[in-house]
């Protein structure tokens, strides 16, 4: 049986803490969660070759603001959907993925 979250808490505007049923406590930077988004478009972007160094990226107004978690809701009993302040909301983070990301923290 997979451990499941017993507590989700923003410990800072840019840090999420999850306490798991087996007692493990993990912390995640919001940036790490966003960069590791498991949705198809994000996976494709990570797999694509990097753009030429002379390419400039055009940012939306939301992307120029500090990245935050706007909402986090369960998807069944196996995952969470995270809505980010940059407007991205299509990633479904399985419990297994959340256990791989972040780092162990003291309780």
PDB file of N, CA and C in Angstrom:
ATOM      1  N   UNK A   1       0.836  -1.186   0.000  1.00  0.00           N
ATOM      2  CA  UNK A   1       0.000   0.000   0.000  1.00  0.00           C
ATOM      3  C   UNK A   1       0.882   1.251   0.000  1.00  0.00           C
ATOM      4  N   UNK A   2       0.509   2.219  -0.784  1.00  0.00           N
ATOM      5  CA  UNK A   2       1.252   3.466  -0.891  1.00  0.00           C
ATOM      6  C   UNK A   2       0.876   4.395   0.260  1.00  0.00           C
ATOM      7  N   UNK A   3       1.869   5.069   0.808  1.00  0.00           N
ATOM      8  CA  UNK A   3       1.588   6.064   1.841  1.00  0.00           C
ATOM      9  C   UNK A   3       0.774   7.186   1.214  1.00  0.00           C
ATOM     10  N   UNK A   4      -0.020   7.840   2.021  1.00  0.00           N
ATOM     11  CA  UNK A   4      -0.823   8.961   1.529  1.00  0.00           C
ATOM     12  C   UNK A   4      -0.638  10.158   2.455  1.00  0.00           C
ATOM     13  N   UNK A   5      -0.906  11.356   1.938  1.00  0.00           N
ATOM     14  CA  UNK A   5      -0.728  12.555   2.752  1.00  0.00           C
ATOM     15  C   UNK A   5      -1.732  12.636   3.898  1.00  0.00           C
ATOM     16  N   UNK A   6      -1.248  13.067   5.061  1.00  0.00           N
ATOM     17  CA  UNK A   6      -2.132  13.362   6.185  1.00  0.00           C
ATOM     18  C   UNK A   6      -2.228  14.863   6.406  1.00  0.00           C
ATOM     19  N   UNK A   7      -1.250  15.606   5.871  1.00  0.00           N
ATOM     20  CA  UNK A   7      -1.253  17.066   6.020  1.00  0.00           C
ATOM     21  C   UNK A   7      -0.507  17.689   4.848  1.00  0.00           C
ATOM     22  N   UNK A   8      -1.112  18.719   4.268  1.00  0.00           N
ATOM     23  CA  UNK A   8      -0.473  19.531   3.237  1.00  0.00           C
ATOM     24  C   UNK A   8      -0.491  20.954   3.752  1.00  0.00           C
ATOM     25  N   UNK A   9       0.667  21.613   3.731  1.00  0.00           N
ATOM     26  CA  UNK A   9       0.736  22.957   4.303  1.00  0.00           C
ATOM     27  C   UNK A   9       1.781  23.783   3.569  1.00  0.00           C
ATOM     28  N   UNK A  10       1.416  25.023   3.249  1.00  0.00           N
ATOM     29  CA  UNK A  10       2.401  25.959   2.724  1.00  0.00           C
ATOM     30  C   UNK A  10       3.159  26.504   3.922  1.00  0.00           C
ATOM     31  N   UNK A  11       4.432  26.178   4.028  1.00  0.00           N
ATOM     32  CA  UNK A  11       5.244  26.641   5.154  1.00  0.00           C
ATOM     33  C   UNK A  11       5.905  27.977   4.835  1.00  0.00           C
ATOM     34  N   UNK A  12       5.848  28.373   3.581  1.00  0.00           N
ATOM     35  CA  UNK A  12       6.298  29.671   3.087  1.00  0.00           C
ATOM     36  C   UNK A  12       5.544  29.865   1.776  1.00  0.00           C
ATOM     37  N   UNK A  13       5.486  31.071   1.258  1.00  0.00           N
ATOM     38  CA  UNK A  13       4.755  31.260  -0.001  1.00  0.00           C
ATOM     39  C   UNK A  13       5.266  30.392  -1.148  1.00  0.00           C
ATOM     40  N   UNK A  14       6.522  29.971  -1.055  1.00  0.00           N
ATOM     41  CA  UNK A  14       7.105  29.181  -2.142  1.00  0.00           C
ATOM     42  C   UNK A  14       7.545  27.781  -1.706  1.00  0.00           C
ATOM     43  N   UNK A  15       7.025  27.289  -0.558  1.00  0.00           N
ATOM     44  CA  UNK A  15       7.391  25.950  -0.064  1.00  0.00           C
ATOM     45  C   UNK A  15       6.167  25.215   0.456  1.00  0.00           C
ATOM     46  N   UNK A  16       6.029  23.973  -0.004  1.00  0.00           N
ATOM     47  CA  UNK A  16       4.943  23.092   0.412  1.00  0.00           C
ATOM     48  C   UNK A  16       5.514  21.979   1.265  1.00  0.00           C
ATOM     49  N   UNK A  17       4.833  21.648   2.351  1.00  0.00           N
ATOM     50  CA  UNK A  17       5.222  20.522   3.208  1.00  0.00           C
ATOM     51  C   UNK A  17       4.089  19.506   3.183  1.00  0.00           C
ATOM     52  N   UNK A  18       4.480  18.237   2.994  1.00  0.00           N
ATOM     53  CA  UNK A  18       3.508  17.140   3.050  1.00  0.00           C
ATOM     54  C   UNK A  18       3.967  16.166   4.125  1.00  0.00           C
ATOM     55  N   UNK A  19       3.043  15.833   5.034  1.00  0.00           N
ATOM     56  CA  UNK A  19       3.268  14.796   6.042  1.00  0.00           C
ATOM     57  C   UNK A  19       2.523  13.562   5.541  1.00  0.00           C
ATOM     58  N   UNK A  20       3.214  12.429   5.526  1.00  0.00           N
ATOM     59  CA  UNK A  20       2.675  11.181   4.989  1.00  0.00           C
ATOM     60  C   UNK A  20       2.256  10.230   6.109  1.00  0.00           C
ATOM     61  N   UNK A  21       1.366   9.283   5.781  1.00  0.00           N
ATOM     62  CA  UNK A  21       0.853   8.335   6.771  1.00  0.00           C
ATOM     63  C   UNK A  21       1.941   7.488   7.404  1.00  0.00           C
ATOM     64  N   UNK A  22       3.064   7.301   6.724  1.00  0.00           N
ATOM     65  CA  UNK A  22       4.153   6.500   7.305  1.00  0.00           C
ATOM     66  C   UNK A  22       5.101   7.358   8.142  1.00  0.00           C
ATOM     67  N   UNK A  23       4.750   8.623   8.366  1.00  0.00           N
ATOM     68  CA  UNK A  23       5.556   9.501   9.209  1.00  0.00           C
ATOM     69  C   UNK A  23       6.581  10.333   8.455  1.00  0.00           C
ATOM     70  N   UNK A  24       6.815  10.035   7.193  1.00  0.00           N
ATOM     71  CA  UNK A  24       7.787  10.833   6.431  1.00  0.00           C
ATOM     72  C   UNK A  24       7.232  12.236   6.193  1.00  0.00           C
ATOM     73  N   UNK A  25       8.122  13.213   6.284  1.00  0.00           N
ATOM     74  CA  UNK A  25       7.773  14.610   6.016  1.00  0.00           C
ATOM     75  C   UNK A  25       8.657  15.057   4.866  1.00  0.00           C
ATOM     76  N   UNK A  26       8.033  15.596   3.817  1.00  0.00           N
ATOM     77  CA  UNK A  26       8.791  16.068   2.654  1.00  0.00           C
ATOM     78  C   UNK A  26       8.427  17.519   2.383  1.00  0.00           C
ATOM     79  N   UNK A  27       9.424  18.283   1.942  1.00  0.00           N
ATOM     80  CA  UNK A  27       9.191  19.671   1.535  1.00  0.00           C
ATOM     81  C   UNK A  27       9.552  19.832   0.072  1.00  0.00           C
ATOM     82  N   UNK A  28       8.797  20.713  -0.592  1.00  0.00           N
ATOM     83  CA  UNK A  28       8.920  20.932  -2.022  1.00  0.00           C
ATOM     84  C   UNK A  28       8.964  22.427  -2.288  1.00  0.00           C
ATOM     85  N   UNK A  29       9.856  22.837  -3.182  1.00  0.00           N
ATOM     86  CA  UNK A  29       9.775  24.216  -3.631  1.00  0.00           C
ATOM     87  C   UNK A  29       8.688  24.253  -4.705  1.00  0.00           C
ATOM     88  N   UNK A  30       7.954  25.335  -4.752  1.00  0.00           N
ATOM     89  CA  UNK A  30       6.902  25.475  -5.755  1.00  0.00           C
ATOM     90  C   UNK A  30       7.532  25.433  -7.147  1.00  0.00           C
ATOM     91  N   UNK A  31       8.711  26.012  -7.301  1.00  0.00           N
ATOM     92  CA  UNK A  31       9.410  26.002  -8.594  1.00  0.00           C
ATOM     93  C   UNK A  31       9.706  24.567  -9.029  1.00  0.00           C
ATOM     94  N   UNK A  32      10.186  23.715  -8.115  1.00  0.00           N
ATOM     95  CA  UNK A  32      10.467  22.321  -8.463  1.00  0.00           C
ATOM     96  C   UNK A  32       9.197  21.616  -8.926  1.00  0.00           C
ATOM     97  N   UNK A  33       8.096  21.798  -8.204  1.00  0.00           N
ATOM     98  CA  UNK A  33       6.842  21.158  -8.598  1.00  0.00           C
ATOM     99  C   UNK A  33       6.415  21.614  -9.987  1.00  0.00           C
ATOM    100  N   UNK A  34       6.534  22.910 -10.248  1.00  0.00           N
ATOM    101  CA  UNK A  34       6.132  23.434 -11.567  1.00  0.00           C
ATOM    102  C   UNK A  34       7.040  22.896 -12.657  1.00  0.00           C
ATOM    103  N   UNK A  35       8.345  22.857 -12.404  1.00  0.00           N
ATOM    104  CA  UNK A  35       9.287  22.379 -13.419  1.00  0.00           C
ATOM    105  C   UNK A  35       9.165  20.885 -13.675  1.00  0.00           C
ATOM    106  N   UNK A  36       8.663  20.130 -12.713  1.00  0.00           N
ATOM    107  CA  UNK A  36       8.494  18.687 -12.867  1.00  0.00           C
ATOM    108  C   UNK A  36       7.048  18.305 -13.192  1.00  0.00           C
ATOM    109  N   UNK A  37       6.268  19.261 -13.662  1.00  0.00           N
ATOM    110  CA  UNK A  37       4.863  18.988 -13.996  1.00  0.00           C
ATOM    111  C   UNK A  37       4.782  17.785 -14.935  1.00  0.00           C
ATOM    112  N   UNK A  38       3.917  16.817 -14.609  1.00  0.00           N
ATOM    113  CA  UNK A  38       3.841  15.597 -15.411  1.00  0.00           C
ATOM    114  C   UNK A  38       2.901  15.668 -16.612  1.00  0.00           C
ATOM    115  N   UNK A  39       2.311  16.819 -16.907  1.00  0.00           N
ATOM    116  CA  UNK A  39       1.377  16.875 -18.039  1.00  0.00           C
ATOM    117  C   UNK A  39       2.127  16.677 -19.359  1.00  0.00           C
ATOM    118  N   UNK A  40       1.406  16.328 -20.396  1.00  0.00           N
ATOM    119  CA  UNK A  40       2.019  16.005 -21.687  1.00  0.00           C
ATOM    120  C   UNK A  40       2.790  17.181 -22.269  1.00  0.00           C
ATOM    121  N   UNK A  41       2.237  18.377 -22.211  1.00  0.00           N
ATOM    122  CA  UNK A  41       2.935  19.517 -22.823  1.00  0.00           C
ATOM    123  C   UNK A  41       4.225  19.845 -22.070  1.00  0.00           C
ATOM    124  N   UNK A  42       4.227  19.723 -20.757  1.00  0.00           N
ATOM    125  CA  UNK A  42       5.452  19.979 -19.988  1.00  0.00           C
ATOM    126  C   UNK A  42       6.492  18.896 -20.234  1.00  0.00           C
ATOM    127  N   UNK A  43       6.053  17.640 -20.325  1.00  0.00           N
ATOM    128  CA  UNK A  43       6.996  16.551 -20.625  1.00  0.00           C
ATOM    129  C   UNK A  43       7.626  16.766 -21.999  1.00  0.00           C
ATOM    130  N   UNK A  44       6.814  17.159 -22.986  1.00  0.00           N
ATOM    131  CA  UNK A  44       7.348  17.422 -24.323  1.00  0.00           C
ATOM    132  C   UNK A  44       8.358  18.554 -24.293  1.00  0.00           C
ATOM    133  N   UNK A  45       8.054  19.610 -23.553  1.00  0.00           N
ATOM    134  CA  UNK A  45       8.966  20.752 -23.467  1.00  0.00           C
ATOM    135  C   UNK A  45      10.293  20.334 -22.830  1.00  0.00           C
ATOM    136  N   UNK A  46      10.244  19.478 -21.795  1.00  0.00           N
ATOM    137  CA  UNK A  46      11.481  19.018 -21.154  1.00  0.00           C
ATOM    138  C   UNK A  46      12.311  18.126 -22.082  1.00  0.00           C
ATOM    139  N   UNK A  47      11.644  17.382 -22.963  1.00  0.00           N
ATOM    140  CA  UNK A  47      12.335  16.467 -23.866  1.00  0.00           C
ATOM    141  C   UNK A  47      12.858  17.159 -25.126  1.00  0.00           C
ATOM    142  N   UNK A  48      12.343  18.332 -25.441  1.00  0.00           N
ATOM    143  CA  UNK A  48      12.741  19.040 -26.662  1.00  0.00           C
ATOM    144  C   UNK A  48      14.175  19.549 -26.550  1.00  0.00           C
ATOM    145  N   UNK A  49      14.846  19.670 -27.680  1.00  0.00           N
ATOM    146  CA  UNK A  49      16.196  20.243 -27.628  1.00  0.00           C
ATOM    147  C   UNK A  49      16.107  21.700 -27.176  1.00  0.00           C
ATOM    148  N   UNK A  50      17.141  22.176 -26.497  1.00  0.00           N
ATOM    149  CA  UNK A  50      17.091  23.562 -26.034  1.00  0.00           C
ATOM    150  C   UNK A  50      17.092  24.531 -27.216  1.00  0.00           C
ATOM    151  N   UNK A  51      16.431  25.676 -27.054  1.00  0.00           N
ATOM    152  CA  UNK A  51      16.425  26.663 -28.140  1.00  0.00           C
ATOM    153  C   UNK A  51      17.814  27.277 -28.299  1.00  0.00           C
ATOM    154  N   UNK A  52      18.078  27.865 -29.442  1.00  0.00           N
ATOM    155  CA  UNK A  52      19.373  28.537 -29.628  1.00  0.00           C
ATOM    156  C   UNK A  52      19.559  29.618 -28.553  1.00  0.00           C
ATOM    157  N   UNK A  53      20.789  29.861 -28.155  1.00  0.00           N
ATOM    158  CA  UNK A  53      21.034  30.831 -27.081  1.00  0.00           C
ATOM    159  C   UNK A  53      20.594  32.258 -27.422  1.00  0.00           C
ATOM    160  N   UNK A  54      20.364  32.536 -28.688  1.00  0.00           N
ATOM    161  CA  UNK A  54      19.935  33.882 -29.080  1.00  0.00           C
ATOM    162  C   UNK A  54      18.419  34.055 -29.038  1.00  0.00           C
ATOM    163  N   UNK A  55      17.687  32.978 -28.726  1.00  0.00           N
ATOM    164  CA  UNK A  55      16.227  33.036 -28.660  1.00  0.00           C
ATOM    165  C   UNK A  55      15.791  33.705 -27.362  1.00  0.00           C
ATOM    166  N   UNK A  56      14.884  34.642 -27.493  1.00  0.00           N
ATOM    167  CA  UNK A  56      14.324  35.303 -26.309  1.00  0.00           C
ATOM    168  C   UNK A  56      12.935  34.743 -26.041  1.00  0.00           C
ATOM    169  N   UNK A  57      12.647  34.439 -24.792  1.00  0.00           N
ATOM    170  CA  UNK A  57      11.350  33.910 -24.399  1.00  0.00           C
ATOM    171  C   UNK A  57      10.420  35.062 -24.048  1.00  0.00           C
ATOM    172  N   UNK A  58       9.213  35.029 -24.581  1.00  0.00           N
ATOM    173  CA  UNK A  58       8.210  36.034 -24.256  1.00  0.00           C
ATOM    174  C   UNK A  58       7.392  35.500 -23.089  1.00  0.00           C
ATOM    175  N   UNK A  59       7.355  36.255 -22.002  1.00  0.00           N
ATOM    176  CA  UNK A  59       6.630  35.841 -20.800  1.00  0.00           C
ATOM    177  C   UNK A  59       5.269  36.521 -20.732  1.00  0.00           C
ATOM    178  N   UNK A  60       4.299  35.783 -20.204  1.00  0.00           N
ATOM    179  CA  UNK A  60       2.997  36.382 -19.948  1.00  0.00           C
ATOM    180  C   UNK A  60       3.112  37.212 -18.672  1.00  0.00           C
ATOM    181  N   UNK A  61       2.182  38.140 -18.421  1.00  0.00           N
ATOM    182  CA  UNK A  61       2.242  38.901 -17.167  1.00  0.00           C
ATOM    183  C   UNK A  61       2.261  37.994 -15.929  1.00  0.00           C
ATOM    184  N   UNK A  62       1.522  36.885 -15.944  1.00  0.00           N
ATOM    185  CA  UNK A  62       1.492  35.971 -14.792  1.00  0.00           C
ATOM    186  C   UNK A  62       2.862  35.326 -14.573  1.00  0.00           C
ATOM    187  N   UNK A  63       3.604  35.085 -15.641  1.00  0.00           N
ATOM    188  CA  UNK A  63       4.913  34.448 -15.520  1.00  0.00           C
ATOM    189  C   UNK A  63       5.975  35.381 -14.957  1.00  0.00           C
ATOM    190  N   UNK A  64       5.706  36.674 -14.925  1.00  0.00           N
ATOM    191  CA  UNK A  64       6.679  37.629 -14.375  1.00  0.00           C
ATOM    192  C   UNK A  64       6.527  37.783 -12.869  1.00  0.00           C
ATOM    193  N   UNK A  65       5.486  37.208 -12.300  1.00  0.00           N
ATOM    194  CA  UNK A  65       5.222  37.297 -10.867  1.00  0.00           C
ATOM    195  C   UNK A  65       5.838  36.101 -10.143  1.00  0.00           C
ATOM    196  N   UNK A  66       6.056  36.221  -8.833  1.00  0.00           N
ATOM    197  CA  UNK A  66       6.568  35.063  -8.080  1.00  0.00           C
ATOM    198  C   UNK A  66       5.619  33.865  -8.238  1.00  0.00           C
ATOM    199  N   UNK A  67       6.191  32.692  -8.423  1.00  0.00           N
ATOM    200  CA  UNK A  67       5.404  31.481  -8.628  1.00  0.00           C
ATOM    201  C   UNK A  67       4.847  30.990  -7.296  1.00  0.00           C
ATOM    202  N   UNK A  68       3.555  30.716  -7.278  1.00  0.00           N
ATOM    203  CA  UNK A  68       2.872  30.242  -6.068  1.00  0.00           C
ATOM    204  C   UNK A  68       1.922  29.107  -6.441  1.00  0.00           C
ATOM    205  N   UNK A  69       1.484  28.367  -5.425  1.00  0.00           N
ATOM    206  CA  UNK A  69       0.413  27.394  -5.614  1.00  0.00           C
ATOM    207  C   UNK A  69      -0.891  28.128  -5.350  1.00  0.00           C
ATOM    208  N   UNK A  70      -1.759  28.167  -6.351  1.00  0.00           N
ATOM    209  CA  UNK A  70      -3.052  28.833  -6.214  1.00  0.00           C
ATOM    210  C   UNK A  70      -4.088  27.892  -5.611  1.00  0.00           C
ATOM    211  N   UNK A  71      -3.987  26.593  -5.931  1.00  0.00           N
ATOM    212  CA  UNK A  71      -4.909  25.588  -5.393  1.00  0.00           C
ATOM    213  C   UNK A  71      -4.275  24.212  -5.555  1.00  0.00           C
ATOM    214  N   UNK A  72      -4.685  23.317  -4.683  1.00  0.00           N
ATOM    215  CA  UNK A  72      -4.215  21.932  -4.748  1.00  0.00           C
ATOM    216  C   UNK A  72      -5.372  21.055  -4.310  1.00  0.00           C
ATOM    217  N   UNK A  73      -5.862  20.210  -5.232  1.00  0.00           N
ATOM    218  CA  UNK A  73      -7.040  19.407  -4.936  1.00  0.00           C
ATOM    219  C   UNK A  73      -6.776  17.931  -5.243  1.00  0.00           C
ATOM    220  N   UNK A  74      -7.368  17.043  -4.445  1.00  0.00           N
ATOM    221  CA  UNK A  74      -7.180  15.612  -4.701  1.00  0.00           C
ATOM    222  C   UNK A  74      -7.818  15.210  -6.027  1.00  0.00           C
ATOM    223  N   UNK A  75      -7.191  14.270  -6.706  1.00  0.00           N
ATOM    224  CA  UNK A  75      -7.748  13.624  -7.903  1.00  0.00           C
ATOM    225  C   UNK A  75      -7.900  12.158  -7.536  1.00  0.00           C
ATOM    226  N   UNK A  76      -9.077  11.791  -7.104  1.00  0.00           N
ATOM    227  CA  UNK A  76      -9.286  10.434  -6.616  1.00  0.00           C
ATOM    228  C   UNK A  76      -8.462  10.210  -5.358  1.00  0.00           C
ATOM    229  N   UNK A  77      -7.989   8.981  -5.176  1.00  0.00           N
ATOM    230  CA  UNK A  77      -7.164   8.647  -4.009  1.00  0.00           C
ATOM    231  C   UNK A  77      -5.705   8.429  -4.382  1.00  0.00           C
ATOM    232  N   UNK A  78      -5.335   8.817  -5.598  1.00  0.00           N
ATOM    233  CA  UNK A  78      -4.000   8.491  -6.083  1.00  0.00           C
ATOM    234  C   UNK A  78      -3.157   9.695  -6.479  1.00  0.00           C
ATOM    235  N   UNK A  79      -3.738  10.913  -6.493  1.00  0.00           N
ATOM    236  CA  UNK A  79      -2.985  12.042  -7.036  1.00  0.00           C
ATOM    237  C   UNK A  79      -3.572  13.373  -6.571  1.00  0.00           C
ATOM    238  N   UNK A  80      -2.838  14.448  -6.893  1.00  0.00           N
ATOM    239  CA  UNK A  80      -3.299  15.811  -6.643  1.00  0.00           C
ATOM    240  C   UNK A  80      -3.131  16.625  -7.910  1.00  0.00           C
ATOM    241  N   UNK A  81      -4.078  17.502  -8.128  1.00  0.00           N
ATOM    242  CA  UNK A  81      -3.991  18.478  -9.206  1.00  0.00           C
ATOM    243  C   UNK A  81      -3.520  19.786  -8.582  1.00  0.00           C
ATOM    244  N   UNK A  82      -2.516  20.412  -9.186  1.00  0.00           N
ATOM    245  CA  UNK A  82      -1.981  21.659  -8.643  1.00  0.00           C
ATOM    246  C   UNK A  82      -2.214  22.779  -9.651  1.00  0.00           C
ATOM    247  N   UNK A  83      -2.830  23.863  -9.190  1.00  0.00           N
ATOM    248  CA  UNK A  83      -3.008  25.066  -9.996  1.00  0.00           C
ATOM    249  C   UNK A  83      -1.941  26.058  -9.559  1.00  0.00           C
ATOM    250  N   UNK A  84      -1.143  26.517 -10.514  1.00  0.00           N
ATOM    251  CA  UNK A  84      -0.068  27.454 -10.222  1.00  0.00           C
ATOM    252  C   UNK A  84      -0.473  28.876 -10.581  1.00  0.00           C
ATOM    253  N   UNK A  85       0.179  29.828  -9.946  1.00  0.00           N
ATOM    254  CA  UNK A  85      -0.145  31.237 -10.163  1.00  0.00           C
ATOM    255  C   UNK A  85       0.168  31.715 -11.578  1.00  0.00           C
ATOM    256  N   UNK A  86       0.970  30.959 -12.338  1.00  0.00           N
ATOM    257  CA  UNK A  86       1.249  31.347 -13.722  1.00  0.00           C
ATOM    258  C   UNK A  86       0.147  30.881 -14.674  1.00  0.00           C
ATOM    259  N   UNK A  87      -0.926  30.296 -14.112  1.00  0.00           N
ATOM    260  CA  UNK A  87      -2.062  29.863 -14.910  1.00  0.00           C
ATOM    261  C   UNK A  87      -2.018  28.399 -15.316  1.00  0.00           C
ATOM    262  N   UNK A  88      -0.919  27.711 -15.054  1.00  0.00           N
ATOM    263  CA  UNK A  88      -0.807  26.300 -15.440  1.00  0.00           C
ATOM    264  C   UNK A  88      -1.559  25.438 -14.432  1.00  0.00           C
ATOM    265  N   UNK A  89      -2.401  24.521 -14.948  1.00  0.00           N
ATOM    266  CA  UNK A  89      -3.218  23.712 -14.049  1.00  0.00           C
ATOM    267  C   UNK A  89      -3.539  22.327 -14.596  1.00  0.00           C
ATOM    268  N   UNK A  90      -2.730  21.809 -15.513  1.00  0.00           N
ATOM    269  CA  UNK A  90      -3.081  20.533 -16.138  1.00  0.00           C
ATOM    270  C   UNK A  90      -2.308  19.332 -15.606  1.00  0.00           C
ATOM    271  N   UNK A  91      -1.380  19.540 -14.701  1.00  0.00           N
ATOM    272  CA  UNK A  91      -0.597  18.420 -14.182  1.00  0.00           C
ATOM    273  C   UNK A  91      -1.317  17.660 -13.089  1.00  0.00           C
ATOM    274  N   UNK A  92      -1.285  16.340 -13.180  1.00  0.00           N
ATOM    275  CA  UNK A  92      -1.821  15.465 -12.140  1.00  0.00           C
ATOM    276  C   UNK A  92      -0.609  14.786 -11.488  1.00  0.00           C
ATOM    277  N   UNK A  93      -0.324  15.152 -10.249  1.00  0.00           N
ATOM    278  CA  UNK A  93       0.841  14.650  -9.519  1.00  0.00           C
ATOM    279  C   UNK A  93       0.440  13.419  -8.722  1.00  0.00           C
ATOM    280  N   UNK A  94       0.884  12.234  -9.167  1.00  0.00           N
ATOM    281  CA  UNK A  94       0.550  11.015  -8.435  1.00  0.00           C
ATOM    282  C   UNK A  94       1.255  11.035  -7.083  1.00  0.00           C
ATOM    283  N   UNK A  95       0.744  10.239  -6.153  1.00  0.00           N
ATOM    284  CA  UNK A  95       1.385  10.139  -4.845  1.00  0.00           C
ATOM    285  C   UNK A  95       2.809   9.620  -4.995  1.00  0.00           C
ATOM    286  N   UNK A  96       3.017   8.682  -5.922  1.00  0.00           N
ATOM    287  CA  UNK A  96       4.362   8.153  -6.148  1.00  0.00           C
ATOM    288  C   UNK A  96       5.310   9.262  -6.614  1.00  0.00           C
ATOM    289  N   UNK A  97       4.855  10.127  -7.518  1.00  0.00           N
ATOM    290  CA  UNK A  97       5.699  11.221  -7.995  1.00  0.00           C
ATOM    291  C   UNK A  97       6.010  12.185  -6.858  1.00  0.00           C
ATOM    292  N   UNK A  98       5.011  12.506  -6.052  1.00  0.00           N
ATOM    293  CA  UNK A  98       5.251  13.421  -4.935  1.00  0.00           C
ATOM    294  C   UNK A  98       6.255  12.842  -3.943  1.00  0.00           C
ATOM    295  N   UNK A  99       6.266  11.523  -3.776  1.00  0.00           N
ATOM    296  CA  UNK A  99       7.249  10.905  -2.883  1.00  0.00           C
ATOM    297  C   UNK A  99       8.661  10.983  -3.460  1.00  0.00           C
ATOM    298  N   UNK A 100       8.785  11.012  -4.787  1.00  0.00           N
ATOM    299  CA  UNK A 100      10.102  11.110  -5.430  1.00  0.00           C
ATOM    300  C   UNK A 100      10.653  12.534  -5.393  1.00  0.00           C
ATOM    301  N   UNK A 101       9.754  13.513  -5.511  1.00  0.00           N
ATOM    302  CA  UNK A 101      10.189  14.903  -5.562  1.00  0.00           C
ATOM    303  C   UNK A 101      10.444  15.439  -4.155  1.00  0.00           C
ATOM    304  N   UNK A 102      10.954  16.639  -4.095  1.00  0.00           N
ATOM    305  CA  UNK A 102      11.187  17.287  -2.807  1.00  0.00           C
ATOM    306  C   UNK A 102      12.328  16.650  -2.042  1.00  0.00           C
ATOM    307  N   UNK A 103      12.384  16.971  -0.772  1.00  0.00           N
ATOM    308  CA  UNK A 103      13.428  16.401   0.086  1.00  0.00           C
ATOM    309  C   UNK A 103      12.844  16.145   1.467  1.00  0.00           C
ATOM    310  N   UNK A 104      13.437  15.190   2.164  1.00  0.00           N
ATOM    311  CA  UNK A 104      12.969  14.885   3.516  1.00  0.00           C
ATOM    312  C   UNK A 104      13.214  16.078   4.412  1.00  0.00           C
ATOM    313  N   UNK A 105      12.260  16.312   5.283  1.00  0.00           N
ATOM    314  CA  UNK A 105      12.365  17.427   6.236  1.00  0.00           C
ATOM    315  C   UNK A 105      12.090  16.882   7.630  1.00  0.00           C
ATOM    316  N   UNK A 106      12.532  17.621   8.627  1.00  0.00           N
ATOM    317  CA  UNK A 106      12.225  17.214   9.996  1.00  0.00           C
ATOM    318  C   UNK A 106      10.794  17.604  10.309  1.00  0.00           C
ATOM    319  N   UNK A 107      10.143  16.837  11.137  1.00  0.00           N
ATOM    320  CA  UNK A 107       8.729  17.088  11.436  1.00  0.00           C
ATOM    321  C   UNK A 107       8.504  18.184  12.433  1.00  0.00           C
TER     322      UNK A 107
END
